[in-house]
Amino acid sequence: MKISQGDAVQVITGKDRGKKGIVMRVLHAESRLIVSGINLVTRHVKKNAETAGKKIRFEASIHSSNVMILDPKTGKPTRIGYRIDQGKKVRFAKISKSVLTRTKIPKADKEKAEAAREIKPEAKEKAKKSPFWKKGGFGAQAISEEGATKTEAGPAKPAATHTRSAGRGS
């Protein structure tokens, strides 16, 4: 993909057509981008015992074909080309022929964007519920705990046998 993190882009199609933003994240496998201020969606979070219900607005991904990179000199959307410059492969804007440098996103902006999408650690712990048999004292864990607490070993009980009846109702 020719667009990378930190590039200034303009949306060319869709509901946000004409808007400009900076690429916050690149999802290479899906050919999608997360652009600051573009494709904002609202997620409604249900209330629970600790927190009240709320609406969270965050940037959803947009397909890379729906954006064009902005030329650093003219500020207009342009295509990207590649050339060898001083022994290195560089990207350049096709309109002004200027080299496009890769810029880093400030860490504070990146953390803020990720924090909006992230589930809180308390909610993650609640999501990991133990099965009912561990709570009720059933299963192998309960048996191993019983064996660990007992100091005396009782006689082994014979396994219960069941004989199958041959006919109906007998």
Protein backbone atom coordinates (compact mmCIF):
# COMPACT_ATOMS: atom_id res chain seq x y z
CA MET A 1 0.00 0.00 0.00
CA LYS A 2 1.39 3.39 -0.98
CA ILE A 3 -0.16 5.35 1.92
CA SER A 4 1.56 5.10 5.28
CA GLN A 5 0.99 6.26 8.85
CA GLY A 6 1.34 10.03 9.29
CA ASP A 7 0.39 10.96 5.70
CA ALA A 8 -2.07 13.82 5.10
CA VAL A 9 -4.95 12.54 2.97
CA GLN A 10 -8.23 13.76 1.50
CA VAL A 11 -11.37 11.63 1.14
CA ILE A 12 -12.49 11.44 -2.49
CA THR A 13 -15.69 9.38 -2.13
CA GLY A 14 -18.31 8.58 0.47
CA LYS A 15 -20.11 10.53 3.18
CA ASP A 16 -16.95 12.43 4.20
CA ARG A 17 -15.98 13.46 0.65
CA GLY A 18 -13.68 16.48 0.60
CA LYS A 19 -12.57 16.20 4.25
CA LYS A 20 -8.88 16.10 5.09
CA GLY A 21 -7.11 14.24 7.87
CA ILE A 22 -3.96 12.45 8.96
CA VAL A 23 -3.59 8.66 8.75
CA MET A 24 -3.42 7.35 12.33
CA ARG A 25 -3.17 3.65 11.55
CA VAL A 26 -2.77 1.40 8.51
CA LEU A 27 -4.42 -2.02 8.35
CA HIS A 28 -2.40 -3.68 5.59
CA ALA A 29 -4.25 -7.01 5.52
CA GLU A 30 -7.60 -5.33 4.74
CA SER A 31 -6.19 -2.35 2.74
CA ARG A 32 -7.91 0.01 5.16
CA LEU A 33 -6.89 3.17 7.02
CA ILE A 34 -7.96 4.92 10.19
CA VAL A 35 -7.90 8.67 9.52
CA SER A 36 -8.32 11.28 12.26
CA GLY A 37 -11.73 12.98 12.13
CA ILE A 38 -12.97 10.87 9.19
CA ASN A 39 -15.73 8.21 9.20
CA LEU A 40 -16.81 8.88 12.79
CA VAL A 41 -19.21 6.27 14.15
CA THR A 42 -21.10 6.08 17.43
CA ARG A 43 -21.13 2.99 19.60
CA HIS A 44 -23.70 2.76 22.39
CA VAL A 45 -22.37 1.04 25.51
CA LYS A 46 -24.91 -0.50 27.88
CA LYS A 47 -24.82 0.44 31.52
CA ASN A 48 -23.60 -2.07 34.07
CA ALA A 49 -23.14 -2.17 37.84
CA GLU A 50 -20.03 0.07 37.86
CA THR A 51 -20.52 2.45 34.93
CA ALA A 52 -23.38 4.36 33.39
CA GLY A 53 -24.42 3.84 29.79
CA LYS A 54 -22.67 6.09 27.29
CA LYS A 55 -22.08 6.87 23.63
CA ILE A 56 -18.55 6.52 22.29
CA ARG A 57 -17.57 8.27 19.05
CA PHE A 58 -14.50 7.00 17.25
CA GLU A 59 -12.98 6.79 13.80
CA ALA A 60 -13.85 3.64 11.89
CA SER A 61 -11.61 2.39 9.11
CA ILE A 62 -11.97 3.56 5.53
CA HIS A 63 -10.76 1.74 2.42
CA SER A 64 -7.49 3.03 1.01
CA SER A 65 -9.02 3.47 -2.45
CA ASN A 66 -11.36 6.15 -1.05
CA VAL A 67 -8.55 8.55 -0.14
CA MET A 68 -5.75 10.37 -1.98
CA ILE A 69 -2.57 11.70 -0.46
CA LEU A 70 -2.15 15.49 -0.35
CA ASP A 71 0.73 17.11 -2.23
CA PRO A 72 3.00 18.86 0.33
CA LYS A 73 3.60 21.89 -1.98
CA THR A 74 0.17 22.50 -3.53
CA GLY A 75 -2.10 20.90 -0.90
CA LYS A 76 -4.12 19.18 -3.63
CA PRO A 77 -4.82 15.43 -3.91
CA THR A 78 -2.17 13.65 -5.95
CA ARG A 79 -1.04 10.21 -6.99
CA ILE A 80 2.09 8.61 -5.60
CA GLY A 81 5.11 7.49 -7.60
CA TYR A 82 8.40 5.82 -6.70
CA ARG A 83 11.90 6.63 -7.86
CA ILE A 84 15.50 5.96 -6.86
CA ASP A 85 16.98 9.05 -5.23
CA GLN A 86 20.60 8.89 -4.00
CA GLY A 87 20.53 5.12 -3.95
CA LYS A 88 17.25 4.88 -1.97
CA LYS A 89 13.72 4.19 -3.12
CA VAL A 90 11.52 7.19 -2.24
CA ARG A 91 7.87 8.13 -2.71
CA PHE A 92 7.08 11.31 -4.59
CA ALA A 93 3.98 13.33 -5.46
CA LYS A 94 3.16 13.09 -9.17
CA ILE A 95 1.92 16.72 -9.42
CA SER A 96 4.87 18.62 -7.93
CA LYS A 97 7.50 15.84 -8.11
CA SER A 98 8.40 16.55 -4.44
CA VAL A 99 9.55 13.71 -2.16
CA LEU A 100 7.01 12.49 0.40
CA THR A 101 8.72 11.87 3.72
CA ARG A 102 7.36 9.49 6.31
CA THR A 103 6.32 11.32 9.48
CA LYS A 104 5.75 9.94 12.94
CA ILE A 105 2.50 10.60 14.77
CA PRO A 106 2.95 12.13 18.23
CA LYS A 107 2.49 9.44 20.88
CA ALA A 108 -0.18 11.42 22.79
CA ASP A 109 -2.49 11.51 19.74
CA LYS A 110 -1.94 7.82 19.05
CA GLU A 111 -2.70 6.83 22.66
CA LYS A 112 -5.85 8.97 22.71
CA ALA A 113 -7.16 7.30 19.55
CA GLU A 114 -6.42 3.81 20.87
CA ALA A 115 -7.92 4.59 24.29
CA ALA A 116 -11.26 5.41 22.66
CA ARG A 117 -11.39 1.92 21.11
CA GLU A 118 -9.96 -0.01 24.04
CA ILE A 119 -12.00 -2.00 26.56
CA LYS A 120 -11.13 -1.22 30.15
CA PRO A 121 -9.20 -3.93 32.09
CA GLU A 122 -12.01 -4.29 34.66
CA ALA A 123 -14.44 -5.15 31.87
CA LYS A 124 -12.00 -7.71 30.46
CA GLU A 125 -11.79 -9.47 33.85
CA LYS A 126 -15.58 -9.57 34.10
CA ALA A 127 -15.81 -11.04 30.62
CA LYS A 128 -13.63 -13.98 31.70
CA LYS A 129 -16.24 -15.81 33.75
CA SER A 130 -15.45 -19.16 35.26
CA PRO A 131 -17.73 -22.08 34.45
CA PHE A 132 -20.57 -22.91 36.81
CA TRP A 133 -18.99 -26.18 37.96
CA LYS A 134 -15.97 -24.33 39.34
CA LYS A 135 -18.23 -22.07 41.37
CA GLY A 136 -20.48 -24.88 42.58
CA GLY A 137 -17.72 -27.25 43.67
CA PHE A 138 -18.06 -29.76 40.83
CA GLY A 139 -15.52 -31.35 38.54
CA ALA A 140 -11.86 -32.25 38.71
CA GLN A 141 -10.82 -29.05 40.45
CA ALA A 142 -13.24 -29.64 43.33
CA ILE A 143 -12.08 -33.24 43.68
CA SER A 144 -8.41 -32.21 43.74
CA GLU A 145 -9.18 -29.54 46.36
CA GLU A 146 -10.98 -32.14 48.53
CA GLY A 147 -8.03 -34.51 48.29
CA ALA A 148 -5.64 -31.72 49.26
CA THR A 149 -7.64 -30.77 52.37
CA LYS A 150 -8.14 -34.33 53.68
CA THR A 151 -5.28 -35.77 55.66
CA GLU A 152 -6.63 -39.31 55.83
CA ALA A 153 -7.09 -41.50 52.85
CA GLY A 154 -10.28 -43.55 53.07
CA PRO A 155 -10.85 -46.91 51.41
CA ALA A 156 -11.51 -46.75 47.71
CA LYS A 157 -15.18 -47.16 46.80
CA PRO A 158 -16.03 -49.64 44.08
CA ALA A 159 -17.34 -48.13 40.89
CA ALA A 160 -21.11 -48.34 40.55
CA THR A 161 -22.10 -50.86 37.93
CA HIS A 162 -25.25 -50.74 35.91
CA THR A 163 -26.76 -53.71 34.20
CA ARG A 164 -28.77 -53.05 31.12
CA SER A 165 -32.18 -54.61 30.90
CA ALA A 166 -32.86 -56.85 27.93
CA GLY A 167 -36.50 -56.07 27.25
CA ARG A 168 -39.15 -53.42 27.53
CA GLY A 169 -40.05 -52.39 31.02
CA SER A 170 -38.15 -55.18 32.70
